Amino acid sequence: MIRPATPDDKGDLLNLAVATGLFAPDELDELGGMLSEYFDGNLGDDHFWIVDDENGMQGAAYYAPEMMADGTWNLYFIGVEPGNQGKGRGASMLRHVEGALKARGERLLLVETSGLDNFDLTRKFYRKNGYDEEARIRDFYKAGDDKVVFRKGL
């Protein structure tokens, strides 16, 4: 069951981020602050956290509009508990995000990720789900760590 996240989900969302192993400790602190801002209503009503909540939180996604662009959105986070990866949960959440944006008349969804080898499965996931690599900014995050931007028209 995919549903909107609630304030009671904050701890589980942080635990999910830790379980994916894709966040540095300082990034987890930033995520915690962002979740507080979101649940306090300080990010506005056009930012969305959703969770896959079948027998406890199995996955989550966060998406928000791109500032100063018409109909362009960013998928800032999508993650699935490691034991449930490869079972279609991530793709299901991604389709849910795309469907919600299409229903609003939005036109483009962007995703950025790292170019490091340990993000290879992440990049394959986006390609498998119809996203095209639109840009690569070499050494963006740090020397040897490219920023890879994927795009999909809605």
C-alpha atoms as a PDB file:
ATOM      1  CA  MET A   1       0.000   0.000   0.000  1.00  0.00           C
ATOM      2  CA  ILE A   2       1.482   3.317  -1.070  1.00  0.00           C
ATOM      3  CA  ARG A   3       0.289   6.216   1.056  1.00  0.00           C
ATOM      4  CA  PRO A   4       1.345   9.730   2.054  1.00  0.00           C
ATOM      5  CA  ALA A   5       3.908   9.844   4.842  1.00  0.00           C
ATOM      6  CA  THR A   6       2.852  11.100   8.271  1.00  0.00           C
ATOM      7  CA  PRO A   7       4.896  12.581  11.131  1.00  0.00           C
ATOM      8  CA  ASP A   8       4.828   9.159  12.809  1.00  0.00           C
ATOM      9  CA  ASP A   9       6.910   7.852   9.881  1.00  0.00           C
ATOM     10  CA  LYS A  10       9.936  10.086  10.533  1.00  0.00           C
ATOM     11  CA  GLY A  11      11.944   7.482  12.480  1.00  0.00           C
ATOM     12  CA  ASP A  12      11.199   4.759   9.952  1.00  0.00           C
ATOM     13  CA  LEU A  13      12.157   7.085   7.083  1.00  0.00           C
ATOM     14  CA  LEU A  14      15.526   7.797   8.697  1.00  0.00           C
ATOM     15  CA  ASN A  15      16.041   4.087   9.383  1.00  0.00           C
ATOM     16  CA  LEU A  16      15.296   3.353   5.729  1.00  0.00           C
ATOM     17  CA  ALA A  17      17.855   5.933   4.624  1.00  0.00           C
ATOM     18  CA  VAL A  18      20.449   4.292   6.898  1.00  0.00           C
ATOM     19  CA  ALA A  19      19.551   0.796   5.654  1.00  0.00           C
ATOM     20  CA  THR A  20      20.146   1.744   2.022  1.00  0.00           C
ATOM     21  CA  GLY A  21      23.757   2.585   2.883  1.00  0.00           C
ATOM     22  CA  LEU A  22      23.795   5.432   0.374  1.00  0.00           C
ATOM     23  CA  PHE A  23      23.947   8.335   2.829  1.00  0.00           C
ATOM     24  CA  ALA A  24      26.899   9.769   4.718  1.00  0.00           C
ATOM     25  CA  PRO A  25      26.270  10.686   8.392  1.00  0.00           C
ATOM     26  CA  ASP A  26      26.077  14.429   7.627  1.00  0.00           C
ATOM     27  CA  GLU A  27      23.569  13.718   4.852  1.00  0.00           C
ATOM     28  CA  LEU A  28      21.416  11.801   7.330  1.00  0.00           C
ATOM     29  CA  ASP A  29      21.436  14.846   9.620  1.00  0.00           C
ATOM     30  CA  GLU A  30      20.294  17.004   6.712  1.00  0.00           C
ATOM     31  CA  LEU A  31      17.575  14.482   5.880  1.00  0.00           C
ATOM     32  CA  GLY A  32      16.345  14.557   9.477  1.00  0.00           C
ATOM     33  CA  GLY A  33      16.130  18.341   9.347  1.00  0.00           C
ATOM     34  CA  MET A  34      14.318  18.247   6.026  1.00  0.00           C
ATOM     35  CA  LEU A  35      11.801  15.733   7.379  1.00  0.00           C
ATOM     36  CA  SER A  36      11.141  18.006  10.355  1.00  0.00           C
ATOM     37  CA  GLU A  37      10.590  20.948   8.004  1.00  0.00           C
ATOM     38  CA  TYR A  38       8.270  18.839   5.844  1.00  0.00           C
ATOM     39  CA  PHE A  39       6.150  17.525   8.698  1.00  0.00           C
ATOM     40  CA  ASP A  40       5.972  20.991  10.265  1.00  0.00           C
ATOM     41  CA  GLY A  41       4.497  22.259   6.974  1.00  0.00           C
ATOM     42  CA  ASN A  42       7.420  24.590   6.266  1.00  0.00           C
ATOM     43  CA  LEU A  43       8.165  23.226   2.788  1.00  0.00           C
ATOM     44  CA  GLY A  44       4.772  24.078   1.332  1.00  0.00           C
ATOM     45  CA  ASP A  45       2.026  21.854   0.040  1.00  0.00           C
ATOM     46  CA  ASP A  46       3.758  20.857  -3.187  1.00  0.00           C
ATOM     47  CA  HIS A  47       6.409  18.630  -1.573  1.00  0.00           C
ATOM     48  CA  PHE A  48       5.435  14.984  -1.165  1.00  0.00           C
ATOM     49  CA  TRP A  49       6.750  12.034   0.831  1.00  0.00           C
ATOM     50  CA  ILE A  50       5.103   8.697   0.128  1.00  0.00           C
ATOM     51  CA  VAL A  51       5.730   5.342   1.768  1.00  0.00           C
ATOM     52  CA  ASP A  52       5.218   1.723   0.794  1.00  0.00           C
ATOM     53  CA  ASP A  53       3.601   0.474   3.973  1.00  0.00           C
ATOM     54  CA  GLU A  54       2.924  -3.234   3.611  1.00  0.00           C
ATOM     55  CA  ASN A  55       3.636  -4.901   6.970  1.00  0.00           C
ATOM     56  CA  GLY A  56       5.732  -1.931   8.053  1.00  0.00           C
ATOM     57  CA  MET A  57       7.612   0.579   5.952  1.00  0.00           C
ATOM     58  CA  GLN A  58       9.211  -1.147   2.980  1.00  0.00           C
ATOM     59  CA  GLY A  59      10.143   1.901   0.945  1.00  0.00           C
ATOM     60  CA  ALA A  60       9.697   5.620   0.498  1.00  0.00           C
ATOM     61  CA  ALA A  61      10.035   8.417  -2.043  1.00  0.00           C
ATOM     62  CA  TYR A  62      10.234  12.199  -1.886  1.00  0.00           C
ATOM     63  CA  TYR A  63       9.546  14.544  -4.795  1.00  0.00           C
ATOM     64  CA  ALA A  64       9.145  18.272  -5.198  1.00  0.00           C
ATOM     65  CA  PRO A  65       8.911  20.881  -7.960  1.00  0.00           C
ATOM     66  CA  GLU A  66      11.966  22.421  -9.574  1.00  0.00           C
ATOM     67  CA  MET A  67      12.145  26.089  -8.676  1.00  0.00           C
ATOM     68  CA  MET A  68      11.602  28.524 -11.561  1.00  0.00           C
ATOM     69  CA  ALA A  69      10.647  25.824 -14.074  1.00  0.00           C
ATOM     70  CA  ASP A  70       7.230  25.070 -15.507  1.00  0.00           C
ATOM     71  CA  GLY A  71       6.024  21.526 -14.834  1.00  0.00           C
ATOM     72  CA  THR A  72       9.460  20.146 -13.929  1.00  0.00           C
ATOM     73  CA  TRP A  73       9.840  18.038 -10.797  1.00  0.00           C
ATOM     74  CA  ASN A  74      12.696  16.349  -8.971  1.00  0.00           C
ATOM     75  CA  LEU A  75      12.689  12.932  -7.362  1.00  0.00           C
ATOM     76  CA  TYR A  76      15.020  13.616  -4.456  1.00  0.00           C
ATOM     77  CA  PHE A  77      14.782  10.262  -2.711  1.00  0.00           C
ATOM     78  CA  ILE A  78      13.562   6.786  -3.420  1.00  0.00           C
ATOM     79  CA  GLY A  79      14.600   3.781  -1.394  1.00  0.00           C
ATOM     80  CA  VAL A  80      13.532   0.258  -0.559  1.00  0.00           C
ATOM     81  CA  GLU A  81      14.580  -1.867   2.404  1.00  0.00           C
ATOM     82  CA  PRO A  82      17.542  -3.937   1.174  1.00  0.00           C
ATOM     83  CA  GLY A  83      15.758  -7.245   1.817  1.00  0.00           C
ATOM     84  CA  ASN A  84      12.902  -6.156  -0.455  1.00  0.00           C
ATOM     85  CA  GLN A  85      14.905  -4.701  -3.334  1.00  0.00           C
ATOM     86  CA  GLY A  86      14.474  -6.270  -6.746  1.00  0.00           C
ATOM     87  CA  LYS A  87      10.831  -7.184  -6.086  1.00  0.00           C
ATOM     88  CA  GLY A  88       9.187  -4.290  -7.931  1.00  0.00           C
ATOM     89  CA  ARG A  89       8.531  -2.049  -4.909  1.00  0.00           C
ATOM     90  CA  GLY A  90      10.777   0.768  -6.143  1.00  0.00           C
ATOM     91  CA  ALA A  91       9.256   0.623  -9.618  1.00  0.00           C
ATOM     92  CA  SER A  92       5.783   0.679  -8.086  1.00  0.00           C
ATOM     93  CA  MET A  93       6.577   3.804  -6.070  1.00  0.00           C
ATOM     94  CA  LEU A  94       8.166   5.401  -9.128  1.00  0.00           C
ATOM     95  CA  ARG A  95       5.009   4.725 -11.178  1.00  0.00           C
ATOM     96  CA  HIS A  96       2.940   6.189  -8.326  1.00  0.00           C
ATOM     97  CA  VAL A  97       5.021   9.404  -8.395  1.00  0.00           C
ATOM     98  CA  GLU A  98       4.803   9.626 -12.187  1.00  0.00           C
ATOM     99  CA  GLY A  99       1.041   9.025 -12.127  1.00  0.00           C
ATOM    100  CA  ALA A 100       0.455  11.672  -9.468  1.00  0.00           C
ATOM    101  CA  LEU A 101       2.465  14.191 -11.468  1.00  0.00           C
ATOM    102  CA  LYS A 102       0.721  13.314 -14.748  1.00  0.00           C
ATOM    103  CA  ALA A 103      -2.651  13.791 -13.048  1.00  0.00           C
ATOM    104  CA  ARG A 104      -1.526  17.305 -12.052  1.00  0.00           C
ATOM    105  CA  GLY A 105      -0.557  18.068 -15.655  1.00  0.00           C
ATOM    106  CA  GLU A 106       3.181  18.149 -14.921  1.00  0.00           C
ATOM    107  CA  ARG A 107       5.563  17.408 -17.763  1.00  0.00           C
ATOM    108  CA  LEU A 108       9.028  16.315 -16.635  1.00  0.00           C
ATOM    109  CA  LEU A 109      10.641  14.327 -13.797  1.00  0.00           C
ATOM    110  CA  LEU A 110      14.368  14.619 -13.073  1.00  0.00           C
ATOM    111  CA  VAL A 111      16.512  12.387 -10.879  1.00  0.00           C
ATOM    112  CA  GLU A 112      20.116  12.896  -9.909  1.00  0.00           C
ATOM    113  CA  THR A 113      22.491  10.309  -8.527  1.00  0.00           C
ATOM    114  CA  SER A 114      26.156   9.588  -8.128  1.00  0.00           C
ATOM    115  CA  GLY A 115      28.434   8.203 -10.808  1.00  0.00           C
ATOM    116  CA  LEU A 116      30.303   6.006  -8.304  1.00  0.00           C
ATOM    117  CA  ASP A 117      30.373   2.247  -8.855  1.00  0.00           C
ATOM    118  CA  ASN A 118      28.242   1.539  -5.765  1.00  0.00           C
ATOM    119  CA  PHE A 119      25.406   3.505  -7.451  1.00  0.00           C
ATOM    120  CA  ASP A 120      25.488   1.310 -10.562  1.00  0.00           C
ATOM    121  CA  LEU A 121      22.304  -0.560  -9.571  1.00  0.00           C
ATOM    122  CA  THR A 122      20.601   2.779  -8.947  1.00  0.00           C
ATOM    123  CA  ARG A 123      21.447   3.996 -12.441  1.00  0.00           C
ATOM    124  CA  LYS A 124      20.306   0.670 -13.945  1.00  0.00           C
ATOM    125  CA  PHE A 125      17.020   1.017 -12.044  1.00  0.00           C
ATOM    126  CA  TYR A 126      16.294   4.389 -13.651  1.00  0.00           C
ATOM    127  CA  ARG A 127      17.227   3.194 -17.127  1.00  0.00           C
ATOM    128  CA  LYS A 128      15.042   0.097 -16.708  1.00  0.00           C
ATOM    129  CA  ASN A 129      12.134   2.377 -15.779  1.00  0.00           C
ATOM    130  CA  GLY A 130      12.380   4.530 -18.890  1.00  0.00           C
ATOM    131  CA  TYR A 131      14.709   7.303 -17.731  1.00  0.00           C
ATOM    132  CA  ASP A 132      17.414   8.643 -20.013  1.00  0.00           C
ATOM    133  CA  GLU A 133      20.749   9.933 -18.813  1.00  0.00           C
ATOM    134  CA  GLU A 134      20.482  13.616 -19.658  1.00  0.00           C
ATOM    135  CA  ALA A 135      23.664  15.003 -18.122  1.00  0.00           C
ATOM    136  CA  ARG A 136      26.842  14.069 -16.309  1.00  0.00           C
ATOM    137  CA  ILE A 137      28.822  16.658 -14.394  1.00  0.00           C
ATOM    138  CA  ARG A 138      32.278  15.295 -13.755  1.00  0.00           C
ATOM    139  CA  ASP A 139      33.690  15.543 -10.224  1.00  0.00           C
ATOM    140  CA  PHE A 140      30.531  17.287  -8.977  1.00  0.00           C
ATOM    141  CA  TYR A 141      30.222  15.774  -5.490  1.00  0.00           C
ATOM    142  CA  LYS A 142      33.980  15.390  -5.060  1.00  0.00           C
ATOM    143  CA  ALA A 143      36.955  14.402  -7.204  1.00  0.00           C
ATOM    144  CA  GLY A 144      36.008  11.206  -9.033  1.00  0.00           C
ATOM    145  CA  ASP A 145      32.317  11.375  -8.069  1.00  0.00           C
ATOM    146  CA  ASP A 146      30.164  12.570 -10.959  1.00  0.00           C
ATOM    147  CA  LYS A 147      26.618  13.864 -10.728  1.00  0.00           C
ATOM    148  CA  VAL A 148      24.403  11.914 -13.142  1.00  0.00           C
ATOM    149  CA  VAL A 149      21.037  13.424 -14.080  1.00  0.00           C
ATOM    150  CA  PHE A 150      18.239  11.293 -15.512  1.00  0.00           C
ATOM    151  CA  ARG A 151      15.059  12.621 -17.103  1.00  0.00           C
ATOM    152  CA  LYS A 152      11.685  11.264 -18.112  1.00  0.00           C
ATOM    153  CA  GLY A 153       8.906  13.087 -19.908  1.00  0.00           C
ATOM    154  CA  LEU A 154       5.536  12.615 -18.313  1.00  0.00           C
END
